[in-house]
Amino acid sequence: MKKALILTAIFLLNIVQLQAQCSMCRAVVQNNADNLGQGLNNGILYLMGFPYIIIIVVGTILFRKRQKDQQLELN
């Protein structure tokens, strides 16, 4: 529990820096060619997909393990 609180505090203290990065990316994209904006959008979608993939894989593993444990209990 302590670790979670410490990590949350660190994240909240750094949130101002995180928001600054978003405006910097926006300024760079606005000042450059359209290809950079398309590349940035593709990168965002690429990074956004990984948490969902991880959740699906872990969920599938846990689901199969739970089914296997229930079948062993029935036998």
PDB file of N, CA and C in Angstrom:
ATOM      1  N   MET A   1       0.824  -1.190   0.000  1.00  0.00           N
ATOM      2  CA  MET A   1       0.000   0.000   0.000  1.00  0.00           C
ATOM      3  C   MET A   1       0.870   1.256   0.000  1.00  0.00           C
ATOM      4  N   LYS A   2       1.969   1.197   0.766  1.00  0.00           N
ATOM      5  CA  LYS A   2       2.859   2.350   0.827  1.00  0.00           C
ATOM      6  C   LYS A   2       3.480   2.638  -0.536  1.00  0.00           C
ATOM      7  N   LYS A   3       3.854   1.568  -1.227  1.00  0.00           N
ATOM      8  CA  LYS A   3       4.475   1.744  -2.537  1.00  0.00           C
ATOM      9  C   LYS A   3       3.505   2.397  -3.514  1.00  0.00           C
ATOM     10  N   ALA A   4       2.251   1.987  -3.468  1.00  0.00           N
ATOM     11  CA  ALA A   4       1.249   2.559  -4.362  1.00  0.00           C
ATOM     12  C   ALA A   4       1.063   4.049  -4.075  1.00  0.00           C
ATOM     13  N   LEU A   5       1.040   4.415  -2.802  1.00  0.00           N
ATOM     14  CA  LEU A   5       0.900   5.827  -2.439  1.00  0.00           C
ATOM     15  C   LEU A   5       2.109   6.644  -2.882  1.00  0.00           C
ATOM     16  N   ILE A   6       3.291   6.075  -2.729  1.00  0.00           N
ATOM     17  CA  ILE A   6       4.507   6.773  -3.134  1.00  0.00           C
ATOM     18  C   ILE A   6       4.518   6.965  -4.651  1.00  0.00           C
ATOM     19  N   LEU A   7       4.162   5.914  -5.396  1.00  0.00           N
ATOM     20  CA  LEU A   7       4.126   6.023  -6.853  1.00  0.00           C
ATOM     21  C   LEU A   7       3.086   7.040  -7.310  1.00  0.00           C
ATOM     22  N   THR A   8       1.950   7.063  -6.646  1.00  0.00           N
ATOM     23  CA  THR A   8       0.911   8.032  -6.990  1.00  0.00           C
ATOM     24  C   THR A   8       1.394   9.453  -6.722  1.00  0.00           C
ATOM     25  N   ALA A   9       2.062   9.653  -5.606  1.00  0.00           N
ATOM     26  CA  ALA A   9       2.581  10.979  -5.275  1.00  0.00           C
ATOM     27  C   ALA A   9       3.617  11.431  -6.295  1.00  0.00           C
ATOM     28  N   ILE A  10       4.501  10.523  -6.688  1.00  0.00           N
ATOM     29  CA  ILE A  10       5.518  10.861  -7.692  1.00  0.00           C
ATOM     30  C   ILE A  10       4.849  11.230  -9.008  1.00  0.00           C
ATOM     31  N   PHE A  11       3.850  10.454  -9.396  1.00  0.00           N
ATOM     32  CA  PHE A  11       3.138  10.742 -10.639  1.00  0.00           C
ATOM     33  C   PHE A  11       2.467  12.108 -10.579  1.00  0.00           C
ATOM     34  N   LEU A  12       1.805  12.410  -9.469  1.00  0.00           N
ATOM     35  CA  LEU A  12       1.107  13.684  -9.351  1.00  0.00           C
ATOM     36  C   LEU A  12       2.069  14.861  -9.332  1.00  0.00           C
ATOM     37  N   LEU A  13       3.246  14.662  -8.772  1.00  0.00           N
ATOM     38  CA  LEU A  13       4.233  15.736  -8.761  1.00  0.00           C
ATOM     39  C   LEU A  13       4.795  15.994 -10.155  1.00  0.00           C
ATOM     40  N   ASN A  14       4.817  14.977 -10.991  1.00  0.00           N
ATOM     41  CA  ASN A  14       5.366  15.114 -12.342  1.00  0.00           C
ATOM     42  C   ASN A  14       4.305  15.418 -13.386  1.00  0.00           C
ATOM     43  N   ILE A  15       3.055  15.552 -13.006  1.00  0.00           N
ATOM     44  CA  ILE A  15       1.991  15.732 -13.992  1.00  0.00           C
ATOM     45  C   ILE A  15       2.126  17.043 -14.753  1.00  0.00           C
ATOM     46  N   VAL A  16       2.692  18.062 -14.127  1.00  0.00           N
ATOM     47  CA  VAL A  16       2.888  19.339 -14.811  1.00  0.00           C
ATOM     48  C   VAL A  16       3.874  19.144 -15.969  1.00  0.00           C
ATOM     49  N   GLN A  17       4.918  18.368 -15.736  1.00  0.00           N
ATOM     50  CA  GLN A  17       5.887  18.108 -16.795  1.00  0.00           C
ATOM     51  C   GLN A  17       5.257  17.281 -17.905  1.00  0.00           C
ATOM     52  N   LEU A  18       4.388  16.354 -17.554  1.00  0.00           N
ATOM     53  CA  LEU A  18       3.744  15.526 -18.566  1.00  0.00           C
ATOM     54  C   LEU A  18       2.840  16.362 -19.457  1.00  0.00           C
ATOM     55  N   GLN A  19       2.112  17.289 -18.885  1.00  0.00           N
ATOM     56  CA  GLN A  19       1.236  18.140 -19.672  1.00  0.00           C
ATOM     57  C   GLN A  19       2.045  19.080 -20.563  1.00  0.00           C
ATOM     58  N   ALA A  20       3.207  19.493 -20.120  1.00  0.00           N
ATOM     59  CA  ALA A  20       4.052  20.366 -20.936  1.00  0.00           C
ATOM     60  C   ALA A  20       4.509  19.643 -22.190  1.00  0.00           C
ATOM     61  N   GLN A  21       4.761  18.363 -22.097  1.00  0.00           N
ATOM     62  CA  GLN A  21       5.208  17.606 -23.257  1.00  0.00           C
ATOM     63  C   GLN A  21       4.128  17.569 -24.329  1.00  0.00           C
ATOM     64  N   CYS A  22       2.882  17.477 -23.940  1.00  0.00           N
ATOM     65  CA  CYS A  22       1.800  17.439 -24.919  1.00  0.00           C
ATOM     66  C   CYS A  22       1.760  18.723 -25.739  1.00  0.00           C
ATOM     67  N   SER A  23       1.911  19.859 -25.087  1.00  0.00           N
ATOM     68  CA  SER A  23       1.872  21.126 -25.825  1.00  0.00           C
ATOM     69  C   SER A  23       3.103  21.280 -26.704  1.00  0.00           C
ATOM     70  N   MET A  24       4.223  20.722 -26.289  1.00  0.00           N
ATOM     71  CA  MET A  24       5.423  20.790 -27.113  1.00  0.00           C
ATOM     72  C   MET A  24       5.250  19.969 -28.383  1.00  0.00           C
ATOM     73  N   CYS A  25       4.676  18.782 -28.254  1.00  0.00           N
ATOM     74  CA  CYS A  25       4.417  17.949 -29.433  1.00  0.00           C
ATOM     75  C   CYS A  25       3.460  18.659 -30.378  1.00  0.00           C
ATOM     76  N   ARG A  26       2.458  19.277 -29.817  1.00  0.00           N
ATOM     77  CA  ARG A  26       1.469  19.990 -30.640  1.00  0.00           C
ATOM     78  C   ARG A  26       2.136  21.116 -31.420  1.00  0.00           C
ATOM     79  N   ALA A  27       2.998  21.864 -30.769  1.00  0.00           N
ATOM     80  CA  ALA A  27       3.684  22.972 -31.437  1.00  0.00           C
ATOM     81  C   ALA A  27       4.590  22.464 -32.553  1.00  0.00           C
ATOM     82  N   VAL A  28       5.279  21.350 -32.317  1.00  0.00           N
ATOM     83  CA  VAL A  28       6.167  20.790 -33.333  1.00  0.00           C
ATOM     84  C   VAL A  28       5.362  20.338 -34.539  1.00  0.00           C
ATOM     85  N   VAL A  29       4.236  19.679 -34.296  1.00  0.00           N
ATOM     86  CA  VAL A  29       3.409  19.174 -35.388  1.00  0.00           C
ATOM     87  C   VAL A  29       2.823  20.322 -36.188  1.00  0.00           C
ATOM     88  N   GLN A  30       2.411  21.381 -35.538  1.00  0.00           N
ATOM     89  CA  GLN A  30       1.814  22.512 -36.240  1.00  0.00           C
ATOM     90  C   GLN A  30       2.828  23.233 -37.120  1.00  0.00           C
ATOM     91  N   ASN A  31       4.082  23.217 -36.713  1.00  0.00           N
ATOM     92  CA  ASN A  31       5.105  23.943 -37.456  1.00  0.00           C
ATOM     93  C   ASN A  31       5.792  23.114 -38.531  1.00  0.00           C
ATOM     94  N   ASN A  32       5.529  21.836 -38.613  1.00  0.00           N
ATOM     95  CA  ASN A  32       6.206  20.974 -39.582  1.00  0.00           C
ATOM     96  C   ASN A  32       5.234  20.440 -40.624  1.00  0.00           C
ATOM     97  N   ALA A  33       5.774  19.621 -41.501  1.00  0.00           N
ATOM     98  CA  ALA A  33       4.990  19.079 -42.617  1.00  0.00           C
ATOM     99  C   ALA A  33       3.926  18.103 -42.115  1.00  0.00           C
ATOM    100  N   ASP A  34       2.982  17.790 -43.001  1.00  0.00           N
ATOM    101  CA  ASP A  34       1.880  16.896 -42.651  1.00  0.00           C
ATOM    102  C   ASP A  34       2.341  15.482 -42.359  1.00  0.00           C
ATOM    103  N   ASN A  35       3.448  15.040 -42.942  1.00  0.00           N
ATOM    104  CA  ASN A  35       3.932  13.681 -42.699  1.00  0.00           C
ATOM    105  C   ASN A  35       4.276  13.459 -41.231  1.00  0.00           C
ATOM    106  N   LEU A  36       4.799  14.480 -40.596  1.00  0.00           N
ATOM    107  CA  LEU A  36       5.149  14.354 -39.186  1.00  0.00           C
ATOM    108  C   LEU A  36       3.895  14.150 -38.341  1.00  0.00           C
ATOM    109  N   GLY A  37       2.843  14.875 -38.658  1.00  0.00           N
ATOM    110  CA  GLY A  37       1.587  14.716 -37.916  1.00  0.00           C
ATOM    111  C   GLY A  37       1.009  13.334 -38.086  1.00  0.00           C
ATOM    112  N   GLN A  38       1.055  12.794 -39.299  1.00  0.00           N
ATOM    113  CA  GLN A  38       0.540  11.447 -39.542  1.00  0.00           C
ATOM    114  C   GLN A  38       1.382  10.414 -38.795  1.00  0.00           C
ATOM    115  N   GLY A  39       2.700  10.609 -38.790  1.00  0.00           N
ATOM    116  CA  GLY A  39       3.582   9.699 -38.054  1.00  0.00           C
ATOM    117  C   GLY A  39       3.318   9.749 -36.558  1.00  0.00           C
ATOM    118  N   LEU A  40       3.087  10.940 -36.052  1.00  0.00           N
ATOM    119  CA  LEU A  40       2.788  11.092 -34.626  1.00  0.00           C
ATOM    120  C   LEU A  40       1.474  10.409 -34.275  1.00  0.00           C
ATOM    121  N   ASN A  41       0.463  10.566 -35.120  1.00  0.00           N
ATOM    122  CA  ASN A  41      -0.818   9.902 -34.881  1.00  0.00           C
ATOM    123  C   ASN A  41      -0.676   8.385 -34.912  1.00  0.00           C
ATOM    124  N   ASN A  42       0.104   7.871 -35.856  1.00  0.00           N
ATOM    125  CA  ASN A  42       0.326   6.426 -35.920  1.00  0.00           C
ATOM    126  C   ASN A  42       1.061   5.930 -34.677  1.00  0.00           C
ATOM    127  N   GLY A  43       2.024   6.702 -34.201  1.00  0.00           N
ATOM    128  CA  GLY A  43       2.749   6.326 -32.992  1.00  0.00           C
ATOM    129  C   GLY A  43       1.846   6.296 -31.773  1.00  0.00           C
ATOM    130  N   ILE A  44       0.944   7.241 -31.678  1.00  0.00           N
ATOM    131  CA  ILE A  44       0.003   7.278 -30.557  1.00  0.00           C
ATOM    132  C   ILE A  44      -0.896   6.041 -30.587  1.00  0.00           C
ATOM    133  N   LEU A  45      -1.397   5.700 -31.764  1.00  0.00           N
ATOM    134  CA  LEU A  45      -2.248   4.510 -31.881  1.00  0.00           C
ATOM    135  C   LEU A  45      -1.467   3.243 -31.563  1.00  0.00           C
ATOM    136  N   TYR A  46      -0.229   3.187 -31.991  1.00  0.00           N
ATOM    137  CA  TYR A  46       0.631   2.037 -31.722  1.00  0.00           C
ATOM    138  C   TYR A  46       0.833   1.865 -30.218  1.00  0.00           C
ATOM    139  N   LEU A  47       1.165   2.943 -29.530  1.00  0.00           N
ATOM    140  CA  LEU A  47       1.379   2.883 -28.085  1.00  0.00           C
ATOM    141  C   LEU A  47       0.088   2.624 -27.315  1.00  0.00           C
ATOM    142  N   MET A  48      -1.030   3.104 -27.848  1.00  0.00           N
ATOM    143  CA  MET A  48      -2.315   2.921 -27.184  1.00  0.00           C
ATOM    144  C   MET A  48      -2.766   1.456 -27.229  1.00  0.00           C
ATOM    145  N   GLY A  49      -2.337   0.712 -28.239  1.00  0.00           N
ATOM    146  CA  GLY A  49      -2.781  -0.669 -28.390  1.00  0.00           C
ATOM    147  C   GLY A  49      -2.144  -1.638 -27.423  1.00  0.00           C
ATOM    148  N   PHE A  50      -0.922  -1.378 -26.970  1.00  0.00           N
ATOM    149  CA  PHE A  50      -0.215  -2.334 -26.133  1.00  0.00           C
ATOM    150  C   PHE A  50      -0.883  -2.623 -24.784  1.00  0.00           C
ATOM    151  N   PRO A  51      -1.400  -1.637 -24.072  1.00  0.00           N
ATOM    152  CA  PRO A  51      -2.076  -1.978 -22.818  1.00  0.00           C
ATOM    153  C   PRO A  51      -3.262  -2.920 -23.032  1.00  0.00           C
ATOM    154  N   TYR A  52      -3.993  -2.723 -24.126  1.00  0.00           N
ATOM    155  CA  TYR A  52      -5.124  -3.605 -24.408  1.00  0.00           C
ATOM    156  C   TYR A  52      -4.649  -5.012 -24.735  1.00  0.00           C
ATOM    157  N   ILE A  53      -3.573  -5.118 -25.482  1.00  0.00           N
ATOM    158  CA  ILE A  53      -3.022  -6.440 -25.799  1.00  0.00           C
ATOM    159  C   ILE A  53      -2.576  -7.153 -24.536  1.00  0.00           C
ATOM    160  N   ILE A  54      -1.906  -6.437 -23.649  1.00  0.00           N
ATOM    161  CA  ILE A  54      -1.441  -7.033 -22.393  1.00  0.00           C
ATOM    162  C   ILE A  54      -2.624  -7.491 -21.548  1.00  0.00           C
ATOM    163  N   ILE A  55      -3.661  -6.668 -21.449  1.00  0.00           N
ATOM    164  CA  ILE A  55      -4.842  -7.036 -20.670  1.00  0.00           C
ATOM    165  C   ILE A  55      -5.509  -8.272 -21.250  1.00  0.00           C
ATOM    166  N   ILE A  56      -5.609  -8.354 -22.573  1.00  0.00           N
ATOM    167  CA  ILE A  56      -6.238  -9.518 -23.207  1.00  0.00           C
ATOM    168  C   ILE A  56      -5.420 -10.778 -22.950  1.00  0.00           C
ATOM    169  N   VAL A  57      -4.103 -10.694 -23.079  1.00  0.00           N
ATOM    170  CA  VAL A  57      -3.246 -11.870 -22.872  1.00  0.00           C
ATOM    171  C   VAL A  57      -3.317 -12.333 -21.426  1.00  0.00           C
ATOM    172  N   VAL A  58      -3.175 -11.420 -20.487  1.00  0.00           N
ATOM    173  CA  VAL A  58      -3.224 -11.791 -19.061  1.00  0.00           C
ATOM    174  C   VAL A  58      -4.609 -12.332 -18.707  1.00  0.00           C
ATOM    175  N   GLY A  59      -5.659 -11.694 -19.211  1.00  0.00           N
ATOM    176  CA  GLY A  59      -7.015 -12.175 -18.948  1.00  0.00           C
ATOM    177  C   GLY A  59      -7.239 -13.567 -19.492  1.00  0.00           C
ATOM    178  N   THR A  60      -6.730 -13.843 -20.689  1.00  0.00           N
ATOM    179  CA  THR A  60      -6.874 -15.172 -21.274  1.00  0.00           C
ATOM    180  C   THR A  60      -6.138 -16.218 -20.453  1.00  0.00           C
ATOM    181  N   ILE A  61      -4.927 -15.891 -20.022  1.00  0.00           N
ATOM    182  CA  ILE A  61      -4.160 -16.828 -19.196  1.00  0.00           C
ATOM    183  C   ILE A  61      -4.883 -17.110 -17.887  1.00  0.00           C
ATOM    184  N   LEU A  62      -5.380 -16.062 -17.229  1.00  0.00           N
ATOM    185  CA  LEU A  62      -6.086 -16.259 -15.962  1.00  0.00           C
ATOM    186  C   LEU A  62      -7.389 -17.037 -16.162  1.00  0.00           C
ATOM    187  N   PHE A  63      -8.098 -16.765 -17.242  1.00  0.00           N
ATOM    188  CA  PHE A  63      -9.340 -17.474 -17.534  1.00  0.00           C
ATOM    189  C   PHE A  63      -9.088 -18.965 -17.742  1.00  0.00           C
ATOM    190  N   ARG A  64      -8.065 -19.292 -18.518  1.00  0.00           N
ATOM    191  CA  ARG A  64      -7.739 -20.703 -18.768  1.00  0.00           C
ATOM    192  C   ARG A  64      -7.272 -21.398 -17.496  1.00  0.00           C
ATOM    193  N   LYS A  65      -6.484 -20.695 -16.682  1.00  0.00           N
ATOM    194  CA  LYS A  65      -6.024 -21.280 -15.418  1.00  0.00           C
ATOM    195  C   LYS A  65      -7.209 -21.556 -14.496  1.00  0.00           C
ATOM    196  N   ARG A  66      -8.130 -20.617 -14.456  1.00  0.00           N
ATOM    197  CA  ARG A  66      -9.302 -20.793 -13.594  1.00  0.00           C
ATOM    198  C   ARG A  66     -10.168 -21.961 -14.069  1.00  0.00           C
ATOM    199  N   GLN A  67     -10.348 -22.085 -15.366  1.00  0.00           N
ATOM    200  CA  GLN A  67     -11.113 -23.216 -15.900  1.00  0.00           C
ATOM    201  C   GLN A  67     -10.425 -24.537 -15.586  1.00  0.00           C
ATOM    202  N   LYS A  68      -9.111 -24.567 -15.713  1.00  0.00           N
ATOM    203  CA  LYS A  68      -8.359 -25.789 -15.433  1.00  0.00           C
ATOM    204  C   LYS A  68      -8.480 -26.168 -13.961  1.00  0.00           C
ATOM    205  N   ASP A  69      -8.398 -25.170 -13.063  1.00  0.00           N
ATOM    206  CA  ASP A  69      -8.528 -25.429 -11.625  1.00  0.00           C
ATOM    207  C   ASP A  69      -9.935 -25.950 -11.298  1.00  0.00           C
ATOM    208  N   GLN A  70     -10.965 -25.404 -11.943  1.00  0.00           N
ATOM    209  CA  GLN A  70     -12.319 -25.866 -11.687  1.00  0.00           C
ATOM    210  C   GLN A  70     -12.530 -27.289 -12.178  1.00  0.00           C
ATOM    211  N   GLN A  71     -11.926 -27.654 -13.298  1.00  0.00           N
ATOM    212  CA  GLN A  71     -12.038 -29.017 -13.806  1.00  0.00           C
ATOM    213  C   GLN A  71     -11.334 -30.001 -12.888  1.00  0.00           C
ATOM    214  N   LEU A  72     -10.213 -29.587 -12.300  1.00  0.00           N
ATOM    215  CA  LEU A  72      -9.500 -30.458 -11.369  1.00  0.00           C
ATOM    216  C   LEU A  72     -10.308 -30.674 -10.096  1.00  0.00           C
ATOM    217  N   GLU A  73     -11.038 -29.657  -9.660  1.00  0.00           N
ATOM    218  CA  GLU A  73     -11.877 -29.780  -8.463  1.00  0.00           C
ATOM    219  C   GLU A  73     -13.035 -30.747  -8.704  1.00  0.00           C
ATOM    220  N   LEU A  74     -13.571 -30.781  -9.918  1.00  0.00           N
ATOM    221  CA  LEU A  74     -14.685 -31.652 -10.229  1.00  0.00           C
ATOM    222  C   LEU A  74     -14.259 -33.119 -10.304  1.00  0.00           C
ATOM    223  N   ASN A  75     -13.015 -33.351 -10.659  1.00  0.00           N
ATOM    224  CA  ASN A  75     -12.527 -34.751 -10.767  1.00  0.00           C
ATOM    225  C   ASN A  75     -12.079 -35.237  -9.477  1.00  0.00           C
TER     226      ASN A  75
END
